PDB file of all heavy atoms in Angstrom:
ATOM      1  N   GLY A   1      86.730 119.425  87.312  1.00  0.00           N
ATOM      2  CA  GLY A   1      86.540 118.874  86.027  1.00  0.00           C
ATOM      3  C   GLY A   1      87.817 118.660  85.271  1.00  0.00           C
ATOM      4  O   GLY A   1      87.779 118.388  84.035  1.00  0.00           O
ATOM      5  N   LEU A   2      88.991 118.658  85.875  1.00  0.00           N
ATOM      6  CA  LEU A   2      90.257 118.407  85.178  1.00  0.00           C
ATOM      7  C   LEU A   2      90.353 116.949  84.764  1.00  0.00           C
ATOM      8  O   LEU A   2      90.145 116.077  85.557  1.00  0.00           O
ATOM      9  CB  LEU A   2      91.411 118.754  86.183  1.00  0.00           C
ATOM     10  CG  LEU A   2      92.816 118.537  85.586  1.00  0.00           C
ATOM     11  CD1 LEU A   2      93.100 119.457  84.442  1.00  0.00           C
ATOM     12  CD2 LEU A   2      93.881 118.696  86.639  1.00  0.00           C
ATOM     13  N   ILE A   3      90.703 116.765  83.489  1.00  0.00           N
ATOM     14  CA  ILE A   3      90.983 115.441  82.989  1.00  0.00           C
ATOM     15  C   ILE A   3      92.403 115.414  82.500  1.00  0.00           C
ATOM     16  O   ILE A   3      92.775 116.147  81.614  1.00  0.00           O
ATOM     17  CB  ILE A   3      89.971 115.073  81.825  1.00  0.00           C
ATOM     18  CG1 ILE A   3      88.530 115.155  82.322  1.00  0.00           C
ATOM     19  CG2 ILE A   3      90.330 113.746  81.261  1.00  0.00           C
ATOM     20  CD1 ILE A   3      87.549 114.935  81.226  1.00  0.00           C
ATOM     21  N   LEU A   4      93.204 114.507  83.112  1.00  0.00           N
ATOM     22  CA  LEU A   4      94.634 114.532  82.839  1.00  0.00           C
ATOM     23  C   LEU A   4      95.160 113.113  83.066  1.00  0.00           C
ATOM     24  O   LEU A   4      94.616 112.289  83.741  1.00  0.00           O
ATOM     25  CB  LEU A   4      95.339 115.456  83.841  1.00  0.00           C
ATOM     26  CG  LEU A   4      96.776 115.832  83.525  1.00  0.00           C
ATOM     27  CD1 LEU A   4      96.884 116.611  82.251  1.00  0.00           C
ATOM     28  CD2 LEU A   4      97.413 116.661  84.649  1.00  0.00           C
ATOM     29  N   ASP A   5      96.231 112.814  82.379  1.00  0.00           N
ATOM     30  CA  ASP A   5      96.910 111.513  82.550  1.00  0.00           C
ATOM     31  C   ASP A   5      97.296 111.334  83.992  1.00  0.00           C
ATOM     32  O   ASP A   5      97.778 112.287  84.681  1.00  0.00           O
ATOM     33  CB  ASP A   5      98.105 111.412  81.570  1.00  0.00           C
ATOM     34  CG  ASP A   5      98.805 110.018  81.739  1.00  0.00           C
ATOM     35  OD1 ASP A   5      98.335 109.003  81.263  1.00  0.00           O
ATOM     36  OD2 ASP A   5      99.899 110.099  82.455  1.00  0.00           O
ATOM     37  N   ARG A   6      97.133 110.158  84.500  1.00  0.00           N
ATOM     38  CA  ARG A   6      97.398 109.896  85.929  1.00  0.00           C
ATOM     39  C   ARG A   6      98.849 110.160  86.320  1.00  0.00           C
ATOM     40  O   ARG A   6      99.136 110.838  87.303  1.00  0.00           O
ATOM     41  CB  ARG A   6      97.064 108.426  86.225  1.00  0.00           C
ATOM     42  CG  ARG A   6      97.436 107.949  87.620  1.00  0.00           C
ATOM     43  CD  ARG A   6      97.450 106.450  87.670  1.00  0.00           C
ATOM     44  NE  ARG A   6      97.726 105.978  89.014  1.00  0.00           N
ATOM     45  CZ  ARG A   6      96.872 105.425  89.808  1.00  0.00           C
ATOM     46  NH1 ARG A   6      95.623 105.194  89.422  1.00  0.00           N
ATOM     47  NH2 ARG A   6      97.238 104.996  91.022  1.00  0.00           N
ATOM     48  N   ASP A   7      99.770 109.698  85.492  1.00  0.00           N
ATOM     49  CA  ASP A   7     101.221 109.946  85.811  1.00  0.00           C
ATOM     50  C   ASP A   7     101.635 111.374  85.676  1.00  0.00           C
ATOM     51  O   ASP A   7     102.397 111.885  86.415  1.00  0.00           O
ATOM     52  CB  ASP A   7     102.059 109.035  84.897  1.00  0.00           C
ATOM     53  CG  ASP A   7     101.802 107.551  85.152  1.00  0.00           C
ATOM     54  OD1 ASP A   7     101.440 107.169  86.304  1.00  0.00           O
ATOM     55  OD2 ASP A   7     101.982 106.742  84.211  1.00  0.00           O
ATOM     56  N   LEU A   8     101.119 112.045  84.622  1.00  0.00           N
ATOM     57  CA  LEU A   8     101.408 113.460  84.465  1.00  0.00           C
ATOM     58  C   LEU A   8     100.854 114.304  85.588  1.00  0.00           C
ATOM     59  O   LEU A   8     101.482 115.250  86.110  1.00  0.00           O
ATOM     60  CB  LEU A   8     100.813 113.973  83.110  1.00  0.00           C
ATOM     61  CG  LEU A   8     101.103 115.418  82.796  1.00  0.00           C
ATOM     62  CD1 LEU A   8     102.574 115.817  82.835  1.00  0.00           C
ATOM     63  CD2 LEU A   8     100.457 115.818  81.485  1.00  0.00           C
ATOM     64  N   ASN A   9      99.716 113.941  86.115  1.00  0.00           N
ATOM     65  CA  ASN A   9      99.102 114.619  87.249  1.00  0.00           C
ATOM     66  C   ASN A   9      99.963 114.453  88.491  1.00  0.00           C
ATOM     67  O   ASN A   9     100.218 115.417  89.280  1.00  0.00           O
ATOM     68  CB  ASN A   9      97.704 114.084  87.501  1.00  0.00           C
ATOM     69  CG  ASN A   9      97.016 114.685  88.766  1.00  0.00           C
ATOM     70  OD1 ASN A   9      96.657 115.895  88.744  1.00  0.00           O
ATOM     71  ND2 ASN A   9      96.887 113.918  89.724  1.00  0.00           N
ATOM     72  N   ALA A  10     100.502 113.264  88.688  1.00  0.00           N
ATOM     73  CA  ALA A  10     101.385 112.943  89.845  1.00  0.00           C
ATOM     74  C   ALA A  10     102.659 113.770  89.760  1.00  0.00           C
ATOM     75  O   ALA A  10     103.203 114.324  90.715  1.00  0.00           O
ATOM     76  CB  ALA A  10     101.635 111.500  89.973  1.00  0.00           C
ATOM     77  N   ALA A  11     103.164 113.852  88.507  1.00  0.00           N
ATOM     78  CA  ALA A  11     104.458 114.579  88.314  1.00  0.00           C
ATOM     79  C   ALA A  11     104.274 116.094  88.629  1.00  0.00           C
ATOM     80  O   ALA A  11     105.154 116.702  89.205  1.00  0.00           O
ATOM     81  CB  ALA A  11     104.980 114.388  86.878  1.00  0.00           C
ATOM     82  N   ARG A  12     103.154 116.612  88.247  1.00  0.00           N
ATOM     83  CA  ARG A  12     102.912 118.025  88.506  1.00  0.00           C
ATOM     84  C   ARG A  12     102.715 118.309  89.963  1.00  0.00           C
ATOM     85  O   ARG A  12     103.192 119.350  90.510  1.00  0.00           O
ATOM     86  CB  ARG A  12     101.655 118.466  87.745  1.00  0.00           C
ATOM     87  CG  ARG A  12     101.892 118.560  86.213  1.00  0.00           C
ATOM     88  CD  ARG A  12     100.654 119.086  85.518  1.00  0.00           C
ATOM     89  NE  ARG A  12     100.826 119.239  84.076  1.00  0.00           N
ATOM     90  CZ  ARG A  12      99.934 119.659  83.189  1.00  0.00           C
ATOM     91  NH1 ARG A  12      98.717 120.010  83.664  1.00  0.00           N
ATOM     92  NH2 ARG A  12     100.180 119.740  81.919  1.00  0.00           N
ATOM     93  N   ASN A  13     102.097 117.369  90.690  1.00  0.00           N
ATOM     94  CA  ASN A  13     101.989 117.517  92.186  1.00  0.00           C
ATOM     95  C   ASN A  13     103.331 117.411  92.850  1.00  0.00           C
ATOM     96  O   ASN A  13     103.609 118.170  93.798  1.00  0.00           O
ATOM     97  CB  ASN A  13     101.036 116.432  92.697  1.00  0.00           C
ATOM     98  CG  ASN A  13      99.592 116.685  92.377  1.00  0.00           C
ATOM     99  OD1 ASN A  13      99.129 117.826  92.299  1.00  0.00           O
ATOM    100  ND2 ASN A  13      98.842 115.589  92.129  1.00  0.00           N
ATOM    101  N   LEU A  14     104.243 116.568  92.305  1.00  0.00           N
ATOM    102  CA  LEU A  14     105.553 116.536  92.887  1.00  0.00           C
ATOM    103  C   LEU A  14     106.326 117.752  92.607  1.00  0.00           C
ATOM    104  O   LEU A  14     107.067 118.229  93.529  1.00  0.00           O
ATOM    105  CB  LEU A  14     106.288 115.266  92.313  1.00  0.00           C
ATOM    106  CG  LEU A  14     105.756 113.909  92.671  1.00  0.00           C
ATOM    107  CD1 LEU A  14     106.481 112.836  91.905  1.00  0.00           C
ATOM    108  CD2 LEU A  14     105.849 113.689  94.166  1.00  0.00           C
ATOM    109  N   ALA A  15     106.255 118.361  91.460  1.00  0.00           N
ATOM    110  CA  ALA A  15     106.899 119.582  91.187  1.00  0.00           C
ATOM    111  C   ALA A  15     106.459 120.706  92.113  1.00  0.00           C
ATOM    112  O   ALA A  15     107.217 121.621  92.507  1.00  0.00           O
ATOM    113  CB  ALA A  15     106.720 119.996  89.721  1.00  0.00           C
ATOM    114  N   ALA A  16     105.159 120.682  92.475  1.00  0.00           N
ATOM    115  CA  ALA A  16     104.651 121.729  93.368  1.00  0.00           C
ATOM    116  C   ALA A  16     105.155 121.595  94.807  1.00  0.00           C
ATOM    117  O   ALA A  16     105.042 122.550  95.576  1.00  0.00           O
ATOM    118  CB  ALA A  16     103.133 121.673  93.325  1.00  0.00           C
ATOM    119  N   LEU A  17     105.743 120.444  95.159  1.00  0.00           N
ATOM    120  CA  LEU A  17     106.223 120.206  96.505  1.00  0.00           C
ATOM    121  C   LEU A  17     107.694 120.562  96.642  1.00  0.00           C
ATOM    122  O   LEU A  17     108.244 120.371  97.699  1.00  0.00           O
ATOM    123  CB  LEU A  17     106.107 118.747  96.904  1.00  0.00           C
ATOM    124  CG  LEU A  17     104.669 118.249  97.134  1.00  0.00           C
ATOM    125  CD1 LEU A  17     104.722 116.754  97.431  1.00  0.00           C
ATOM    126  CD2 LEU A  17     104.054 118.981  98.331  1.00  0.00           C
ATOM    127  N   ALA A  18     108.283 121.196  95.651  1.00  0.00           N
ATOM    128  CA  ALA A  18     109.718 121.425  95.700  1.00  0.00           C
ATOM    129  C   ALA A  18     110.111 122.381  96.820  1.00  0.00           C
ATOM    130  O   ALA A  18     111.168 122.238  97.461  1.00  0.00           O
ATOM    131  CB  ALA A  18     110.202 122.049  94.338  1.00  0.00           C
ATOM    132  N   ALA A  19     109.239 123.304  97.194  1.00  0.00           N
ATOM    133  CA  ALA A  19     109.581 124.257  98.217  1.00  0.00           C
ATOM    134  C   ALA A  19     109.484 123.653  99.609  1.00  0.00           C
ATOM    135  O   ALA A  19     110.034 124.163 100.585  1.00  0.00           O
ATOM    136  CB  ALA A  19     108.671 125.462  98.133  1.00  0.00           C
ATOM    137  N   ASP A  20     108.716 122.516  99.696  1.00  0.00           N
ATOM    138  CA  ASP A  20     108.514 121.915 101.077  1.00  0.00           C
ATOM    139  C   ASP A  20     109.405 120.713 101.322  1.00  0.00           C
ATOM    140  O   ASP A  20     109.407 120.204 102.418  1.00  0.00           O
ATOM    141  CB  ASP A  20     107.014 121.480 101.154  1.00  0.00           C
ATOM    142  CG  ASP A  20     106.117 122.607 101.019  1.00  0.00           C
ATOM    143  OD1 ASP A  20     106.480 123.774 101.378  1.00  0.00           O
ATOM    144  OD2 ASP A  20     104.976 122.427 100.498  1.00  0.00           O
ATOM    145  N   CYS A  21     110.116 120.240 100.317  1.00  0.00           N
ATOM    146  CA  CYS A  21     110.994 119.033 100.465  1.00  0.00           C
ATOM    147  C   CYS A  21     112.392 119.399 100.796  1.00  0.00           C
ATOM    148  O   CYS A  21     112.857 120.433 100.396  1.00  0.00           O
ATOM    149  CB  CYS A  21     110.918 118.156  99.231  1.00  0.00           C
ATOM    150  SG  CYS A  21     109.281 117.514  98.842  1.00  0.00           S
ATOM    151  N   ASP A  22     113.029 118.540 101.523  1.00  0.00           N
ATOM    152  CA  ASP A  22     114.439 118.732 101.859  1.00  0.00           C
ATOM    153  C   ASP A  22     115.333 118.068 100.803  1.00  0.00           C
ATOM    154  O   ASP A  22     114.908 117.220 100.036  1.00  0.00           O
ATOM    155  CB  ASP A  22     114.763 118.122 103.233  1.00  0.00           C
ATOM    156  CG  ASP A  22     113.980 118.843 104.318  1.00  0.00           C
ATOM    157  OD1 ASP A  22     113.726 120.015 104.166  1.00  0.00           O
ATOM    158  OD2 ASP A  22     113.647 118.130 105.304  1.00  0.00           O
ATOM    159  N   THR A  23     116.587 118.494 100.774  1.00  0.00           N
ATOM    160  CA  THR A  23     117.518 117.860  99.833  1.00  0.00           C
ATOM    161  C   THR A  23     117.868 116.456 100.256  1.00  0.00           C
ATOM    162  O   THR A  23     117.733 116.127 101.420  1.00  0.00           O
ATOM    163  CB  THR A  23     118.795 118.718  99.778  1.00  0.00           C
ATOM    164  OG1 THR A  23     119.358 118.794 101.070  1.00  0.00           O
ATOM    165  CG2 THR A  23     118.539 120.109  99.208  1.00  0.00           C
ATOM    166  N   ALA A  24     118.322 115.648  99.315  1.00  0.00           N
ATOM    167  CA  ALA A  24     118.670 114.269  99.522  1.00  0.00           C
ATOM    168  C   ALA A  24     119.980 114.028  98.903  1.00  0.00           C
ATOM    169  O   ALA A  24     120.164 114.244  97.713  1.00  0.00           O
ATOM    170  CB  ALA A  24     117.614 113.370  98.948  1.00  0.00           C
ATOM    171  N   GLY A  25     120.911 113.504  99.708  1.00  0.00           N
ATOM    172  CA  GLY A  25     122.230 113.111  99.144  1.00  0.00           C
ATOM    173  C   GLY A  25     122.606 111.801  99.708  1.00  0.00           C
ATOM    174  O   GLY A  25     121.711 110.902  99.820  1.00  0.00           O
ATOM    175  N   SER A  26     123.819 111.623 100.068  1.00  0.00           N
ATOM    176  CA  SER A  26     124.277 110.363 100.711  1.00  0.00           C
ATOM    177  C   SER A  26     123.715 110.364 102.170  1.00  0.00           C
ATOM    178  O   SER A  26     123.728 111.349 102.815  1.00  0.00           O
ATOM    179  CB  SER A  26     125.737 110.246 100.667  1.00  0.00           C
ATOM    180  OG  SER A  26     126.340 111.344 101.322  1.00  0.00           O
ATOM    181  N   GLY A  27     123.315 109.189 102.570  1.00  0.00           N
ATOM    182  CA  GLY A  27     122.789 109.064 103.909  1.00  0.00           C
ATOM    183  C   GLY A  27     121.246 109.159 103.939  1.00  0.00           C
ATOM    184  O   GLY A  27     120.598 108.979 102.945  1.00  0.00           O
ATOM    185  N   PRO A  28     120.634 109.397 105.053  1.00  0.00           N
ATOM    186  CA  PRO A  28     119.161 109.422 105.128  1.00  0.00           C
ATOM    187  C   PRO A  28     118.595 110.527 104.247  1.00  0.00           C
ATOM    188  O   PRO A  28     119.190 111.607 104.156  1.00  0.00           O
ATOM    189  CB  PRO A  28     118.905 109.725 106.641  1.00  0.00           C
ATOM    190  CG  PRO A  28     120.161 109.302 107.350  1.00  0.00           C
ATOM    191  CD  PRO A  28     121.261 109.599 106.371  1.00  0.00           C
ATOM    192  N   VAL A  29     117.500 110.274 103.705  1.00  0.00           N
ATOM    193  CA  VAL A  29     116.838 111.241 102.826  1.00  0.00           C
ATOM    194  C   VAL A  29     115.431 111.520 103.368  1.00  0.00           C
ATOM    195  O   VAL A  29     114.884 110.796 104.182  1.00  0.00           O
ATOM    196  CB  VAL A  29     116.736 110.731 101.352  1.00  0.00           C
ATOM    197  CG1 VAL A  29     118.107 110.579 100.785  1.00  0.00           C
ATOM    198  CG2 VAL A  29     116.024 109.356 101.319  1.00  0.00           C
ATOM    199  N   ALA A  30     114.850 112.561 102.869  1.00  0.00           N
ATOM    200  CA  ALA A  30     113.541 112.965 103.268  1.00  0.00           C
ATOM    201  C   ALA A  30     112.541 111.855 102.915  1.00  0.00           C
ATOM    202  O   ALA A  30     112.509 111.312 101.858  1.00  0.00           O
ATOM    203  CB  ALA A  30     113.143 114.257 102.653  1.00  0.00           C
ATOM    204  N   GLY A  31     111.596 111.624 103.824  1.00  0.00           N
ATOM    205  CA  GLY A  31     110.567 110.623 103.621  1.00  0.00           C
ATOM    206  C   GLY A  31     110.958 109.227 104.038  1.00  0.00           C
ATOM    207  O   GLY A  31     110.058 108.333 104.093  1.00  0.00           O
ATOM    208  N   ARG A  32     112.221 108.920 104.229  1.00  0.00           N
ATOM    209  CA  ARG A  32     112.608 107.548 104.636  1.00  0.00           C
ATOM    210  C   ARG A  32     112.207 107.285 106.035  1.00  0.00           C
ATOM    211  O   ARG A  32     112.643 108.036 106.931  1.00  0.00           O
ATOM    212  CB  ARG A  32     114.155 107.390 104.411  1.00  0.00           C
ATOM    213  CG  ARG A  32     114.634 106.023 104.651  1.00  0.00           C
ATOM    214  CD  ARG A  32     114.167 105.019 103.645  1.00  0.00           C
ATOM    215  NE  ARG A  32     114.549 105.385 102.256  1.00  0.00           N
ATOM    216  CZ  ARG A  32     115.726 105.065 101.675  1.00  0.00           C
ATOM    217  NH1 ARG A  32     116.581 104.406 102.336  1.00  0.00           N
ATOM    218  NH2 ARG A  32     115.902 105.424 100.440  1.00  0.00           N
ATOM    219  N   GLY A  33     111.443 106.292 106.268  1.00  0.00           N
ATOM    220  CA  GLY A  33     111.033 105.959 107.646  1.00  0.00           C
ATOM    221  C   GLY A  33     109.894 106.855 108.174  1.00  0.00           C
ATOM    222  O   GLY A  33     109.743 106.974 109.384  1.00  0.00           O
ATOM    223  N   ALA A  34     109.164 107.509 107.306  1.00  0.00           N
ATOM    224  CA  ALA A  34     108.111 108.391 107.742  1.00  0.00           C
ATOM    225  C   ALA A  34     106.959 107.604 108.431  1.00  0.00           C
ATOM    226  O   ALA A  34     106.638 106.516 107.952  1.00  0.00           O
ATOM    227  CB  ALA A  34     107.539 109.216 106.583  1.00  0.00           C
ATOM    228  N   ASP A  35     106.436 108.125 109.552  1.00  0.00           N
ATOM    229  CA  ASP A  35     105.390 107.390 110.239  1.00  0.00           C
ATOM    230  C   ASP A  35     104.080 108.156 110.273  1.00  0.00           C
ATOM    231  O   ASP A  35     103.209 107.869 111.039  1.00  0.00           O
ATOM    232  CB  ASP A  35     105.851 107.091 111.691  1.00  0.00           C
ATOM    233  CG  ASP A  35     106.216 108.384 112.417  1.00  0.00           C
ATOM    234  OD1 ASP A  35     106.233 109.464 111.809  1.00  0.00           O
ATOM    235  OD2 ASP A  35     106.522 108.282 113.626  1.00  0.00           O
ATOM    236  N   ARG A  36     103.929 109.144 109.439  1.00  0.00           N
ATOM    237  CA  ARG A  36     102.728 109.902 109.345  1.00  0.00           C
ATOM    238  C   ARG A  36     102.479 110.368 107.967  1.00  0.00           C
ATOM    239  O   ARG A  36     103.407 110.351 107.130  1.00  0.00           O
ATOM    240  CB  ARG A  36     102.751 111.101 110.308  1.00  0.00           C
ATOM    241  CG  ARG A  36     103.778 112.141 109.901  1.00  0.00           C
ATOM    242  CD  ARG A  36     103.817 113.362 110.878  1.00  0.00           C
ATOM    243  NE  ARG A  36     104.812 114.303 110.501  1.00  0.00           N
ATOM    244  CZ  ARG A  36     104.673 115.267 109.601  1.00  0.00           C
ATOM    245  NH1 ARG A  36     103.509 115.312 108.882  1.00  0.00           N
ATOM    246  NH2 ARG A  36     105.595 116.099 109.280  1.00  0.00           N
ATOM    247  N   LYS A  37     101.223 110.820 107.675  1.00  0.00           N
ATOM    248  CA  LYS A  37     100.915 111.275 106.329  1.00  0.00           C
ATOM    249  C   LYS A  37     101.197 112.740 106.204  1.00  0.00           C
ATOM    250  O   LYS A  37     101.026 113.499 107.126  1.00  0.00           O
ATOM    251  CB  LYS A  37      99.470 110.964 106.033  1.00  0.00           C
ATOM    252  CG  LYS A  37      99.123 109.439 106.097  1.00  0.00           C
ATOM    253  CD  LYS A  37      97.639 109.194 105.860  1.00  0.00           C
ATOM    254  CE  LYS A  37      97.343 107.739 105.897  1.00  0.00           C
ATOM    255  NZ  LYS A  37      95.855 107.504 105.632  1.00  0.00           N
ATOM    256  N   THR A  38     101.575 113.103 105.017  1.00  0.00           N
ATOM    257  CA  THR A  38     101.847 114.524 104.767  1.00  0.00           C
ATOM    258  C   THR A  38     100.591 115.355 104.842  1.00  0.00           C
ATOM    259  O   THR A  38      99.584 114.997 104.275  1.00  0.00           O
ATOM    260  CB  THR A  38     102.528 114.680 103.365  1.00  0.00           C
ATOM    261  OG1 THR A  38     103.691 113.822 103.328  1.00  0.00           O
ATOM    262  CG2 THR A  38     102.906 116.066 103.094  1.00  0.00           C
ATOM    263  N   ARG A  39     100.694 116.495 105.477  1.00  0.00           N
ATOM    264  CA  ARG A  39      99.544 117.370 105.609  1.00  0.00           C
ATOM    265  C   ARG A  39      99.343 118.027 104.236  1.00  0.00           C
ATOM    266  O   ARG A  39     100.256 118.490 103.567  1.00  0.00           O
ATOM    267  CB  ARG A  39      99.794 118.502 106.629  1.00  0.00           C
ATOM    268  CG  ARG A  39      98.573 119.390 106.782  1.00  0.00           C
ATOM    269  CD  ARG A  39      98.879 120.361 107.972  1.00  0.00           C
ATOM    270  NE  ARG A  39      99.876 121.327 107.552  1.00  0.00           N
ATOM    271  CZ  ARG A  39     101.067 121.344 108.025  1.00  0.00           C
ATOM    272  NH1 ARG A  39     101.496 120.489 108.851  1.00  0.00           N
ATOM    273  NH2 ARG A  39     101.971 122.342 107.614  1.00  0.00           N
ATOM    274  N   LEU A  40      98.127 118.013 103.754  1.00  0.00           N
ATOM    275  CA  LEU A  40      97.795 118.578 102.474  1.00  0.00           C
ATOM    276  C   LEU A  40      97.408 119.986 102.562  1.00  0.00           C
ATOM    277  O   LEU A  40      96.806 120.460 103.570  1.00  0.00           O
ATOM    278  CB  LEU A  40      96.575 117.784 101.847  1.00  0.00           C
ATOM    279  CG  LEU A  40      96.866 116.213 101.686  1.00  0.00           C
ATOM    280  CD1 LEU A  40      95.600 115.588 101.087  1.00  0.00           C
ATOM    281  CD2 LEU A  40      98.078 115.999 100.812  1.00  0.00           C
ATOM    282  N   GLY A  41      97.719 120.741 101.500  1.00  0.00           N
ATOM    283  CA  GLY A  41      97.443 122.210 101.560  1.00  0.00           C
ATOM    284  C   GLY A  41      96.174 122.570 100.825  1.00  0.00           C
ATOM    285  O   GLY A  41      95.760 123.684 100.858  1.00  0.00           O
ATOM    286  N   GLY A  42      95.527 121.615 100.116  1.00  0.00           N
ATOM    287  CA  GLY A  42      94.334 121.904  99.325  1.00  0.00           C
ATOM    288  C   GLY A  42      93.090 121.318  99.922  1.00  0.00           C
ATOM    289  O   GLY A  42      93.040 120.909 101.114  1.00  0.00           O
ATOM    290  N   LEU A  43      92.069 121.159  99.115  1.00  0.00           N
ATOM    291  CA  LEU A  43      90.830 120.603  99.543  1.00  0.00           C
ATOM    292  C   LEU A  43      90.947 119.087  99.642  1.00  0.00           C
ATOM    293  O   LEU A  43      91.653 118.439  98.884  1.00  0.00           O
ATOM    294  CB  LEU A  43      89.709 120.928  98.557  1.00  0.00           C
ATOM    295  CG  LEU A  43      89.556 122.451  98.305  1.00  0.00           C
ATOM    296  CD1 LEU A  43      88.428 122.660  97.251  1.00  0.00           C
ATOM    297  CD2 LEU A  43      89.122 123.160  99.555  1.00  0.00           C
ATOM    298  N   VAL A  44      90.248 118.488 100.620  1.00  0.00           N
ATOM    299  CA  VAL A  44      90.384 117.109 100.864  1.00  0.00           C
ATOM    300  C   VAL A  44      88.961 116.475 100.973  1.00  0.00           C
ATOM    301  O   VAL A  44      88.076 117.000 101.624  1.00  0.00           O
ATOM    302  CB  VAL A  44      91.135 116.788 102.229  1.00  0.00           C
ATOM    303  CG1 VAL A  44      91.243 115.313 102.457  1.00  0.00           C
ATOM    304  CG2 VAL A  44      92.464 117.437 102.189  1.00  0.00           C
ATOM    305  N   ALA A  45      88.797 115.364 100.301  1.00  0.00           N
ATOM    306  CA  ALA A  45      87.509 114.625 100.372  1.00  0.00           C
ATOM    307  C   ALA A  45      87.664 113.696 101.543  1.00  0.00           C
ATOM    308  O   ALA A  45      88.446 112.730 101.615  1.00  0.00           O
ATOM    309  CB  ALA A  45      87.230 113.842  99.080  1.00  0.00           C
ATOM    310  N   VAL A  46      86.818 113.899 102.622  1.00  0.00           N
ATOM    311  CA  VAL A  46      86.890 113.127 103.854  1.00  0.00           C
ATOM    312  C   VAL A  46      85.889 112.006 103.776  1.00  0.00           C
ATOM    313  O   VAL A  46      84.677 112.239 103.477  1.00  0.00           O
ATOM    314  CB  VAL A  46      86.604 114.016 105.098  1.00  0.00           C
ATOM    315  CG1 VAL A  46      86.749 113.216 106.348  1.00  0.00           C
ATOM    316  CG2 VAL A  46      87.632 115.163 105.120  1.00  0.00           C
TER     317      VAL A  46
END
């Protein structure tokens, strides 16, 4: 029943991924050229 602004909800989800993401600097960064979907850790509607 959570009601939240769409962009704010996305920003909170991104903040929760901080522990699973790699650093990005010069050169290739995480997520560039990915060929699969990220595994989700919560409930999923199939």
